[in-house]
Amino acid sequence: MPWMIVIGVVVGIGTMMVIPERNPVGSIVAIVVGIAGSVVPAVLGSAEGWYHLGDTLAILTSVGGAIALSVTYLTLLMRELHAEAPPQKHAGH
């Protein structure tokens, strides 16, 4: 179980590096999203009997889930930031 949290934290920190300074939510949320994305698929797959926690497939699923949820979070956040940005004036207009 600790390996899922480590994977989530690493992916969350990676997400924070991509988010611009105007992150309205904060870095803690990016880490929590990474942890959730890591833990949920690994636990669900284990509960369904597809693999055991600690198996290679569980680790790969954990990494994939963390990346997928973090990318989704980043996409939604960037969309929100662009929607709030004032329109820019172009030179010559």
PDB file of N, CA and C in Angstrom:
ATOM      1  N   MET A   1       0.806  -1.205   0.000  1.00  0.00           N
ATOM      2  CA  MET A   1       0.000   0.000   0.000  1.00  0.00           C
ATOM      3  C   MET A   1       0.851   1.272   0.000  1.00  0.00           C
ATOM      4  N   PRO A   2       1.968   1.330   0.717  1.00  0.00           N
ATOM      5  CA  PRO A   2       2.778   2.558   0.682  1.00  0.00           C
ATOM      6  C   PRO A   2       3.299   2.881  -0.714  1.00  0.00           C
ATOM      7  N   TRP A   3       3.557   1.867  -1.532  1.00  0.00           N
ATOM      8  CA  TRP A   3       4.056   2.128  -2.875  1.00  0.00           C
ATOM      9  C   TRP A   3       3.026   2.867  -3.713  1.00  0.00           C
ATOM     10  N   MET A   4       1.718   2.643  -3.458  1.00  0.00           N
ATOM     11  CA  MET A   4       0.681   3.357  -4.200  1.00  0.00           C
ATOM     12  C   MET A   4       0.697   4.839  -3.837  1.00  0.00           C
ATOM     13  N   ILE A   5       0.938   5.139  -2.573  1.00  0.00           N
ATOM     14  CA  ILE A   5       0.991   6.529  -2.126  1.00  0.00           C
ATOM     15  C   ILE A   5       2.222   7.218  -2.719  1.00  0.00           C
ATOM     16  N   VAL A   6       3.340   6.530  -2.742  1.00  0.00           N
ATOM     17  CA  VAL A   6       4.558   7.109  -3.323  1.00  0.00           C
ATOM     18  C   VAL A   6       4.351   7.400  -4.803  1.00  0.00           C
ATOM     19  N   ILE A   7       3.758   6.463  -5.523  1.00  0.00           N
ATOM     20  CA  ILE A   7       3.475   6.680  -6.945  1.00  0.00           C
ATOM     21  C   ILE A   7       2.570   7.893  -7.115  1.00  0.00           C
ATOM     22  N   GLY A   8       1.517   7.976  -6.307  1.00  0.00           N
ATOM     23  CA  GLY A   8       0.587   9.099  -6.398  1.00  0.00           C
ATOM     24  C   GLY A   8       1.247  10.436  -6.106  1.00  0.00           C
ATOM     25  N   VAL A   9       2.119  10.471  -5.101  1.00  0.00           N
ATOM     26  CA  VAL A   9       2.812  11.717  -4.757  1.00  0.00           C
ATOM     27  C   VAL A   9       3.743  12.135  -5.892  1.00  0.00           C
ATOM     28  N   VAL A  10       4.479  11.189  -6.450  1.00  0.00           N
ATOM     29  CA  VAL A  10       5.398  11.509  -7.549  1.00  0.00           C
ATOM     30  C   VAL A  10       4.631  12.051  -8.753  1.00  0.00           C
ATOM     31  N   VAL A  11       3.530  11.403  -9.119  1.00  0.00           N
ATOM     32  CA  VAL A  11       2.729  11.877 -10.252  1.00  0.00           C
ATOM     33  C   VAL A  11       2.092  13.226  -9.923  1.00  0.00           C
ATOM     34  N   GLY A  12       1.632  13.408  -8.692  1.00  0.00           N
ATOM     35  CA  GLY A  12       1.060  14.693  -8.285  1.00  0.00           C
ATOM     36  C   GLY A  12       2.065  15.824  -8.364  1.00  0.00           C
ATOM     37  N   ILE A  13       3.291  15.569  -7.944  1.00  0.00           N
ATOM     38  CA  ILE A  13       4.349  16.587  -8.035  1.00  0.00           C
ATOM     39  C   ILE A  13       4.652  16.898  -9.504  1.00  0.00           C
ATOM     40  N   GLY A  14       4.655  15.876 -10.332  1.00  0.00           N
ATOM     41  CA  GLY A  14       4.835  16.099 -11.767  1.00  0.00           C
ATOM     42  C   GLY A  14       3.734  16.969 -12.347  1.00  0.00           C
ATOM     43  N   THR A  15       2.516  16.759 -11.879  1.00  0.00           N
ATOM     44  CA  THR A  15       1.394  17.579 -12.337  1.00  0.00           C
ATOM     45  C   THR A  15       1.587  19.028 -11.902  1.00  0.00           C
ATOM     46  N   MET A  16       2.052  19.232 -10.670  1.00  0.00           N
ATOM     47  CA  MET A  16       2.266  20.592 -10.168  1.00  0.00           C
ATOM     48  C   MET A  16       3.314  21.333 -10.994  1.00  0.00           C
ATOM     49  N   MET A  17       4.286  20.609 -11.517  1.00  0.00           N
ATOM     50  CA  MET A  17       5.332  21.247 -12.316  1.00  0.00           C
ATOM     51  C   MET A  17       4.782  21.795 -13.630  1.00  0.00           C
ATOM     52  N   VAL A  18       3.705  21.220 -14.117  1.00  0.00           N
ATOM     53  CA  VAL A  18       3.126  21.637 -15.391  1.00  0.00           C
ATOM     54  C   VAL A  18       2.132  22.782 -15.202  1.00  0.00           C
ATOM     55  N   ILE A  19       1.523  22.871 -14.026  1.00  0.00           N
ATOM     56  CA  ILE A  19       0.512  23.888 -13.762  1.00  0.00           C
ATOM     57  C   ILE A  19       1.189  25.252 -13.631  1.00  0.00           C
ATOM     58  N   PRO A  20       0.622  26.268 -14.269  1.00  0.00           N
ATOM     59  CA  PRO A  20       1.212  27.608 -14.144  1.00  0.00           C
ATOM     60  C   PRO A  20       1.087  28.154 -12.722  1.00  0.00           C
ATOM     61  N   GLU A  21       1.751  29.269 -12.463  1.00  0.00           N
ATOM     62  CA  GLU A  21       1.753  29.866 -11.130  1.00  0.00           C
ATOM     63  C   GLU A  21       0.361  30.204 -10.630  1.00  0.00           C
ATOM     64  N   ARG A  22      -0.566  30.445 -11.515  1.00  0.00           N
ATOM     65  CA  ARG A  22      -1.906  30.864 -11.120  1.00  0.00           C
ATOM     66  C   ARG A  22      -2.768  29.694 -10.689  1.00  0.00           C
ATOM     67  N   ASN A  23      -2.206  28.676 -10.128  1.00  0.00           N
ATOM     68  CA  ASN A  23      -2.965  27.512  -9.694  1.00  0.00           C
ATOM     69  C   ASN A  23      -3.910  27.918  -8.565  1.00  0.00           C
ATOM     70  N   PRO A  24      -5.208  27.994  -8.839  1.00  0.00           N
ATOM     71  CA  PRO A  24      -6.147  28.450  -7.825  1.00  0.00           C
ATOM     72  C   PRO A  24      -6.439  27.399  -6.756  1.00  0.00           C
ATOM     73  N   VAL A  25      -6.139  26.165  -7.007  1.00  0.00           N
ATOM     74  CA  VAL A  25      -6.521  25.086  -6.105  1.00  0.00           C
ATOM     75  C   VAL A  25      -5.413  24.771  -5.112  1.00  0.00           C
ATOM     76  N   GLY A  26      -4.198  24.782  -5.552  1.00  0.00           N
ATOM     77  CA  GLY A  26      -3.082  24.491  -4.666  1.00  0.00           C
ATOM     78  C   GLY A  26      -2.421  23.171  -4.988  1.00  0.00           C
ATOM     79  N   SER A  27      -1.216  23.041  -4.514  1.00  0.00           N
ATOM     80  CA  SER A  27      -0.424  21.859  -4.825  1.00  0.00           C
ATOM     81  C   SER A  27      -0.901  20.621  -4.078  1.00  0.00           C
ATOM     82  N   ILE A  28      -1.512  20.801  -2.922  1.00  0.00           N
ATOM     83  CA  ILE A  28      -1.991  19.650  -2.150  1.00  0.00           C
ATOM     84  C   ILE A  28      -3.039  18.877  -2.945  1.00  0.00           C
ATOM     85  N   VAL A  29      -3.903  19.590  -3.656  1.00  0.00           N
ATOM     86  CA  VAL A  29      -4.945  18.922  -4.433  1.00  0.00           C
ATOM     87  C   VAL A  29      -4.326  18.087  -5.549  1.00  0.00           C
ATOM     88  N   ALA A  30      -3.283  18.596  -6.193  1.00  0.00           N
ATOM     89  CA  ALA A  30      -2.617  17.837  -7.256  1.00  0.00           C
ATOM     90  C   ALA A  30      -2.038  16.540  -6.700  1.00  0.00           C
ATOM     91  N   ILE A  31      -1.471  16.589  -5.506  1.00  0.00           N
ATOM     92  CA  ILE A  31      -0.921  15.383  -4.888  1.00  0.00           C
ATOM     93  C   ILE A  31      -2.039  14.422  -4.496  1.00  0.00           C
ATOM     94  N   VAL A  32      -3.125  14.937  -3.944  1.00  0.00           N
ATOM     95  CA  VAL A  32      -4.250  14.082  -3.553  1.00  0.00           C
ATOM     96  C   VAL A  32      -4.867  13.415  -4.782  1.00  0.00           C
ATOM     97  N   VAL A  33      -4.976  14.145  -5.882  1.00  0.00           N
ATOM     98  CA  VAL A  33      -5.500  13.563  -7.123  1.00  0.00           C
ATOM     99  C   VAL A  33      -4.577  12.443  -7.598  1.00  0.00           C
ATOM    100  N   GLY A  34      -3.276  12.655  -7.526  1.00  0.00           N
ATOM    101  CA  GLY A  34      -2.320  11.610  -7.909  1.00  0.00           C
ATOM    102  C   GLY A  34      -2.442  10.374  -7.033  1.00  0.00           C
ATOM    103  N   ILE A  35      -2.596  10.576  -5.733  1.00  0.00           N
ATOM    104  CA  ILE A  35      -2.739   9.441  -4.810  1.00  0.00           C
ATOM    105  C   ILE A  35      -4.043   8.692  -5.087  1.00  0.00           C
ATOM    106  N   ALA A  36      -5.135   9.432  -5.280  1.00  0.00           N
ATOM    107  CA  ALA A  36      -6.425   8.784  -5.580  1.00  0.00           C
ATOM    108  C   ALA A  36      -6.338   7.995  -6.877  1.00  0.00           C
ATOM    109  N   GLY A  37      -5.715   8.581  -7.884  1.00  0.00           N
ATOM    110  CA  GLY A  37      -5.562   7.893  -9.157  1.00  0.00           C
ATOM    111  C   GLY A  37      -4.690   6.661  -9.054  1.00  0.00           C
ATOM    112  N   SER A  38      -3.819   6.620  -8.091  1.00  0.00           N
ATOM    113  CA  SER A  38      -2.946   5.472  -7.892  1.00  0.00           C
ATOM    114  C   SER A  38      -3.622   4.371  -7.081  1.00  0.00           C
ATOM    115  N   VAL A  39      -4.316   4.756  -6.024  1.00  0.00           N
ATOM    116  CA  VAL A  39      -4.884   3.785  -5.094  1.00  0.00           C
ATOM    117  C   VAL A  39      -6.135   3.103  -5.657  1.00  0.00           C
ATOM    118  N   VAL A  40      -7.035   3.877  -6.226  1.00  0.00           N
ATOM    119  CA  VAL A  40      -8.338   3.324  -6.643  1.00  0.00           C
ATOM    120  C   VAL A  40      -8.204   2.180  -7.648  1.00  0.00           C
ATOM    121  N   PRO A  41      -7.492   2.341  -8.767  1.00  0.00           N
ATOM    122  CA  PRO A  41      -7.429   1.219  -9.712  1.00  0.00           C
ATOM    123  C   PRO A  41      -6.718  -0.015  -9.156  1.00  0.00           C
ATOM    124  N   ALA A  42      -5.683   0.198  -8.335  1.00  0.00           N
ATOM    125  CA  ALA A  42      -4.959  -0.948  -7.773  1.00  0.00           C
ATOM    126  C   ALA A  42      -5.849  -1.729  -6.811  1.00  0.00           C
ATOM    127  N   VAL A  43      -6.587  -1.017  -5.972  1.00  0.00           N
ATOM    128  CA  VAL A  43      -7.459  -1.685  -5.004  1.00  0.00           C
ATOM    129  C   VAL A  43      -8.646  -2.347  -5.701  1.00  0.00           C
ATOM    130  N   LEU A  44      -9.239  -1.661  -6.675  1.00  0.00           N
ATOM    131  CA  LEU A  44     -10.371  -2.261  -7.390  1.00  0.00           C
ATOM    132  C   LEU A  44      -9.953  -3.511  -8.165  1.00  0.00           C
ATOM    133  N   GLY A  45      -8.814  -3.456  -8.824  1.00  0.00           N
ATOM    134  CA  GLY A  45      -8.333  -4.626  -9.559  1.00  0.00           C
ATOM    135  C   GLY A  45      -8.041  -5.797  -8.643  1.00  0.00           C
ATOM    136  N   SER A  46      -7.508  -5.505  -7.474  1.00  0.00           N
ATOM    137  CA  SER A  46      -7.248  -6.556  -6.496  1.00  0.00           C
ATOM    138  C   SER A  46      -8.556  -7.139  -5.955  1.00  0.00           C
ATOM    139  N   ALA A  47      -9.528  -6.257  -5.701  1.00  0.00           N
ATOM    140  CA  ALA A  47     -10.823  -6.718  -5.193  1.00  0.00           C
ATOM    141  C   ALA A  47     -11.552  -7.585  -6.218  1.00  0.00           C
ATOM    142  N   GLU A  48     -11.366  -7.290  -7.499  1.00  0.00           N
ATOM    143  CA  GLU A  48     -11.991  -8.081  -8.557  1.00  0.00           C
ATOM    144  C   GLU A  48     -11.248  -9.395  -8.812  1.00  0.00           C
ATOM    145  N   GLY A  49     -10.072  -9.529  -8.228  1.00  0.00           N
ATOM    146  CA  GLY A  49      -9.313 -10.764  -8.392  1.00  0.00           C
ATOM    147  C   GLY A  49      -8.438 -10.791  -9.631  1.00  0.00           C
ATOM    148  N   TRP A  50      -8.234  -9.644 -10.267  1.00  0.00           N
ATOM    149  CA  TRP A  50      -7.411  -9.595 -11.473  1.00  0.00           C
ATOM    150  C   TRP A  50      -5.934  -9.768 -11.147  1.00  0.00           C
ATOM    151  N   TYR A  51      -5.526  -9.326  -9.961  1.00  0.00           N
ATOM    152  CA  TYR A  51      -4.139  -9.446  -9.511  1.00  0.00           C
ATOM    153  C   TYR A  51      -4.108  -9.235  -8.004  1.00  0.00           C
ATOM    154  N   HIS A  52      -2.946  -9.432  -7.420  1.00  0.00           N
ATOM    155  CA  HIS A  52      -2.745  -9.180  -5.992  1.00  0.00           C
ATOM    156  C   HIS A  52      -1.969  -7.876  -5.845  1.00  0.00           C
ATOM    157  N   LEU A  53      -2.242  -7.145  -4.773  1.00  0.00           N
ATOM    158  CA  LEU A  53      -1.496  -5.912  -4.537  1.00  0.00           C
ATOM    159  C   LEU A  53      -0.013  -6.244  -4.440  1.00  0.00           C
ATOM    160  N   GLY A  54       0.784  -5.482  -5.137  1.00  0.00           N
ATOM    161  CA  GLY A  54       2.221  -5.717  -5.165  1.00  0.00           C
ATOM    162  C   GLY A  54       2.686  -6.428  -6.426  1.00  0.00           C
ATOM    163  N   ASP A  55       1.744  -7.036  -7.161  1.00  0.00           N
ATOM    164  CA  ASP A  55       2.110  -7.648  -8.436  1.00  0.00           C
ATOM    165  C   ASP A  55       2.515  -6.564  -9.431  1.00  0.00           C
ATOM    166  N   THR A  56       3.246  -6.959 -10.444  1.00  0.00           N
ATOM    167  CA  THR A  56       3.674  -6.015 -11.473  1.00  0.00           C
ATOM    168  C   THR A  56       2.483  -5.342 -12.132  1.00  0.00           C
ATOM    169  N   LEU A  57       1.439  -6.100 -12.415  1.00  0.00           N
ATOM    170  CA  LEU A  57       0.254  -5.528 -13.051  1.00  0.00           C
ATOM    171  C   LEU A  57      -0.427  -4.513 -12.133  1.00  0.00           C
ATOM    172  N   ALA A  58      -0.440  -4.759 -10.846  1.00  0.00           N
ATOM    173  CA  ALA A  58      -1.025  -3.804  -9.899  1.00  0.00           C
ATOM    174  C   ALA A  58      -0.235  -2.502  -9.897  1.00  0.00           C
ATOM    175  N   ILE A  59       1.068  -2.604  -9.958  1.00  0.00           N
ATOM    176  CA  ILE A  59       1.911  -1.406  -9.979  1.00  0.00           C
ATOM    177  C   ILE A  59       1.704  -0.630 -11.274  1.00  0.00           C
ATOM    178  N   LEU A  60       1.667  -1.342 -12.393  1.00  0.00           N
ATOM    179  CA  LEU A  60       1.431  -0.675 -13.678  1.00  0.00           C
ATOM    180  C   LEU A  60       0.055  -0.011 -13.723  1.00  0.00           C
ATOM    181  N   THR A  61      -0.948  -0.684 -13.184  1.00  0.00           N
ATOM    182  CA  THR A  61      -2.293  -0.111 -13.126  1.00  0.00           C
ATOM    183  C   THR A  61      -2.302   1.122 -12.232  1.00  0.00           C
ATOM    184  N   SER A  62      -1.579   1.069 -11.150  1.00  0.00           N
ATOM    185  CA  SER A  62      -1.489   2.193 -10.231  1.00  0.00           C
ATOM    186  C   SER A  62      -0.849   3.405 -10.910  1.00  0.00           C
ATOM    187  N   VAL A  63       0.237   3.174 -11.618  1.00  0.00           N
ATOM    188  CA  VAL A  63       0.909   4.265 -12.342  1.00  0.00           C
ATOM    189  C   VAL A  63      -0.013   4.824 -13.419  1.00  0.00           C
ATOM    190  N   GLY A  64      -0.633   3.947 -14.197  1.00  0.00           N
ATOM    191  CA  GLY A  64      -1.536   4.388 -15.258  1.00  0.00           C
ATOM    192  C   GLY A  64      -2.728   5.168 -14.730  1.00  0.00           C
ATOM    193  N   GLY A  65      -3.304   4.705 -13.636  1.00  0.00           N
ATOM    194  CA  GLY A  65      -4.444   5.403 -13.043  1.00  0.00           C
ATOM    195  C   GLY A  65      -4.060   6.770 -12.519  1.00  0.00           C
ATOM    196  N   ALA A  66      -2.895   6.863 -11.882  1.00  0.00           N
ATOM    197  CA  ALA A  66      -2.434   8.150 -11.361  1.00  0.00           C
ATOM    198  C   ALA A  66      -2.183   9.141 -12.491  1.00  0.00           C
ATOM    199  N   ILE A  67      -1.569   8.671 -13.552  1.00  0.00           N
ATOM    200  CA  ILE A  67      -1.305   9.550 -14.693  1.00  0.00           C
ATOM    201  C   ILE A  67      -2.611   9.967 -15.356  1.00  0.00           C
ATOM    202  N   ALA A  68      -3.521   9.025 -15.565  1.00  0.00           N
ATOM    203  CA  ALA A  68      -4.791   9.331 -16.231  1.00  0.00           C
ATOM    204  C   ALA A  68      -5.608  10.353 -15.441  1.00  0.00           C
ATOM    205  N   LEU A  69      -5.733  10.154 -14.139  1.00  0.00           N
ATOM    206  CA  LEU A  69      -6.520  11.086 -13.334  1.00  0.00           C
ATOM    207  C   LEU A  69      -5.826  12.446 -13.230  1.00  0.00           C
ATOM    208  N   SER A  70      -4.505  12.464 -13.142  1.00  0.00           N
ATOM    209  CA  SER A  70      -3.779  13.733 -13.069  1.00  0.00           C
ATOM    210  C   SER A  70      -3.874  14.505 -14.379  1.00  0.00           C
ATOM    211  N   VAL A  71      -3.810  13.816 -15.502  1.00  0.00           N
ATOM    212  CA  VAL A  71      -3.959  14.487 -16.804  1.00  0.00           C
ATOM    213  C   VAL A  71      -5.369  15.054 -16.943  1.00  0.00           C
ATOM    214  N   THR A  72      -6.365  14.299 -16.489  1.00  0.00           N
ATOM    215  CA  THR A  72      -7.743  14.794 -16.525  1.00  0.00           C
ATOM    216  C   THR A  72      -7.887  16.036 -15.661  1.00  0.00           C
ATOM    217  N   TYR A  73      -7.335  15.998 -14.456  1.00  0.00           N
ATOM    218  CA  TYR A  73      -7.361  17.146 -13.555  1.00  0.00           C
ATOM    219  C   TYR A  73      -6.662  18.341 -14.198  1.00  0.00           C
ATOM    220  N   LEU A  74      -5.493  18.113 -14.776  1.00  0.00           N
ATOM    221  CA  LEU A  74      -4.728  19.186 -15.402  1.00  0.00           C
ATOM    222  C   LEU A  74      -5.488  19.779 -16.582  1.00  0.00           C
ATOM    223  N   THR A  75      -6.113  18.940 -17.380  1.00  0.00           N
ATOM    224  CA  THR A  75      -6.889  19.411 -18.529  1.00  0.00           C
ATOM    225  C   THR A  75      -8.053  20.287 -18.084  1.00  0.00           C
ATOM    226  N   LEU A  76      -8.787  19.841 -17.080  1.00  0.00           N
ATOM    227  CA  LEU A  76      -9.920  20.628 -16.582  1.00  0.00           C
ATOM    228  C   LEU A  76      -9.448  21.936 -15.949  1.00  0.00           C
ATOM    229  N   LEU A  77      -8.341  21.895 -15.223  1.00  0.00           N
ATOM    230  CA  LEU A  77      -7.820  23.098 -14.596  1.00  0.00           C
ATOM    231  C   LEU A  77      -7.365  24.099 -15.647  1.00  0.00           C
ATOM    232  N   MET A  78      -6.658  23.642 -16.666  1.00  0.00           N
ATOM    233  CA  MET A  78      -6.179  24.543 -17.715  1.00  0.00           C
ATOM    234  C   MET A  78      -7.352  25.144 -18.480  1.00  0.00           C
ATOM    235  N   ARG A  79      -8.389  24.356 -18.712  1.00  0.00           N
ATOM    236  CA  ARG A  79      -9.579  24.868 -19.384  1.00  0.00           C
ATOM    237  C   ARG A  79     -10.202  25.986 -18.552  1.00  0.00           C
ATOM    238  N   GLU A  80     -10.264  25.784 -17.242  1.00  0.00           N
ATOM    239  CA  GLU A  80     -10.825  26.799 -16.341  1.00  0.00           C
ATOM    240  C   GLU A  80      -9.958  28.057 -16.323  1.00  0.00           C
ATOM    241  N   LEU A  81      -8.651  27.900 -16.302  1.00  0.00           N
ATOM    242  CA  LEU A  81      -7.760  29.058 -16.297  1.00  0.00           C
ATOM    243  C   LEU A  81      -7.874  29.856 -17.585  1.00  0.00           C
ATOM    244  N   HIS A  82      -8.017  29.174 -18.728  1.00  0.00           N
ATOM    245  CA  HIS A  82      -8.150  29.867 -20.007  1.00  0.00           C
ATOM    246  C   HIS A  82      -9.501  30.550 -20.129  1.00  0.00           C
ATOM    247  N   ALA A  83     -10.512  29.998 -19.512  1.00  0.00           N
ATOM    248  CA  ALA A  83     -11.841  30.612 -19.559  1.00  0.00           C
ATOM    249  C   ALA A  83     -11.856  31.907 -18.752  1.00  0.00           C
ATOM    250  N   GLU A  84     -11.050  31.995 -17.696  1.00  0.00           N
ATOM    251  CA  GLU A  84     -11.013  33.182 -16.850  1.00  0.00           C
ATOM    252  C   GLU A  84     -10.074  34.260 -17.386  1.00  0.00           C
ATOM    253  N   ALA A  85      -9.173  33.911 -18.265  1.00  0.00           N
ATOM    254  CA  ALA A  85      -8.179  34.863 -18.757  1.00  0.00           C
ATOM    255  C   ALA A  85      -8.856  35.919 -19.632  1.00  0.00           C
ATOM    256  N   PRO A  86      -8.486  37.187 -19.464  1.00  0.00           N
ATOM    257  CA  PRO A  86      -9.071  38.231 -20.317  1.00  0.00           C
ATOM    258  C   PRO A  86      -8.540  38.093 -21.737  1.00  0.00           C
ATOM    259  N   PRO A  87      -9.335  38.473 -22.720  1.00  0.00           N
ATOM    260  CA  PRO A  87      -8.864  38.380 -24.104  1.00  0.00           C
ATOM    261  C   PRO A  87      -7.661  39.283 -24.324  1.00  0.00           C
ATOM    262  N   GLN A  88      -6.726  38.820 -25.108  1.00  0.00           N
ATOM    263  CA  GLN A  88      -5.519  39.597 -25.362  1.00  0.00           C
ATOM    264  C   GLN A  88      -5.688  40.401 -26.631  1.00  0.00           C
ATOM    265  N   LYS A  89      -5.129  41.609 -26.616  1.00  0.00           N
ATOM    266  CA  LYS A  89      -5.174  42.476 -27.793  1.00  0.00           C
ATOM    267  C   LYS A  89      -4.008  42.125 -28.682  1.00  0.00           C
ATOM    268  N   HIS A  90      -4.272  42.112 -29.964  1.00  0.00           N
ATOM    269  CA  HIS A  90      -3.214  41.824 -30.935  1.00  0.00           C
ATOM    270  C   HIS A  90      -2.610  43.133 -31.424  1.00  0.00           C
ATOM    271  N   ALA A  91      -1.349  43.125 -31.753  1.00  0.00           N
ATOM    272  CA  ALA A  91      -0.670  44.307 -32.245  1.00  0.00           C
ATOM    273  C   ALA A  91      -1.277  44.736 -33.571  1.00  0.00           C
ATOM    274  N   GLY A  92      -1.504  46.018 -33.720  1.00  0.00           N
ATOM    275  CA  GLY A  92      -2.027  46.540 -34.991  1.00  0.00           C
ATOM    276  C   GLY A  92      -3.545  46.618 -35.026  1.00  0.00           C
ATOM    277  N   HIS A  93      -4.215  46.243 -33.971  1.00  0.00           N
ATOM    278  CA  HIS A  93      -5.687  46.336 -33.958  1.00  0.00           C
ATOM    279  C   HIS A  93      -6.160  47.403 -33.044  1.00  0.00           C
TER     280      HIS A  93
END
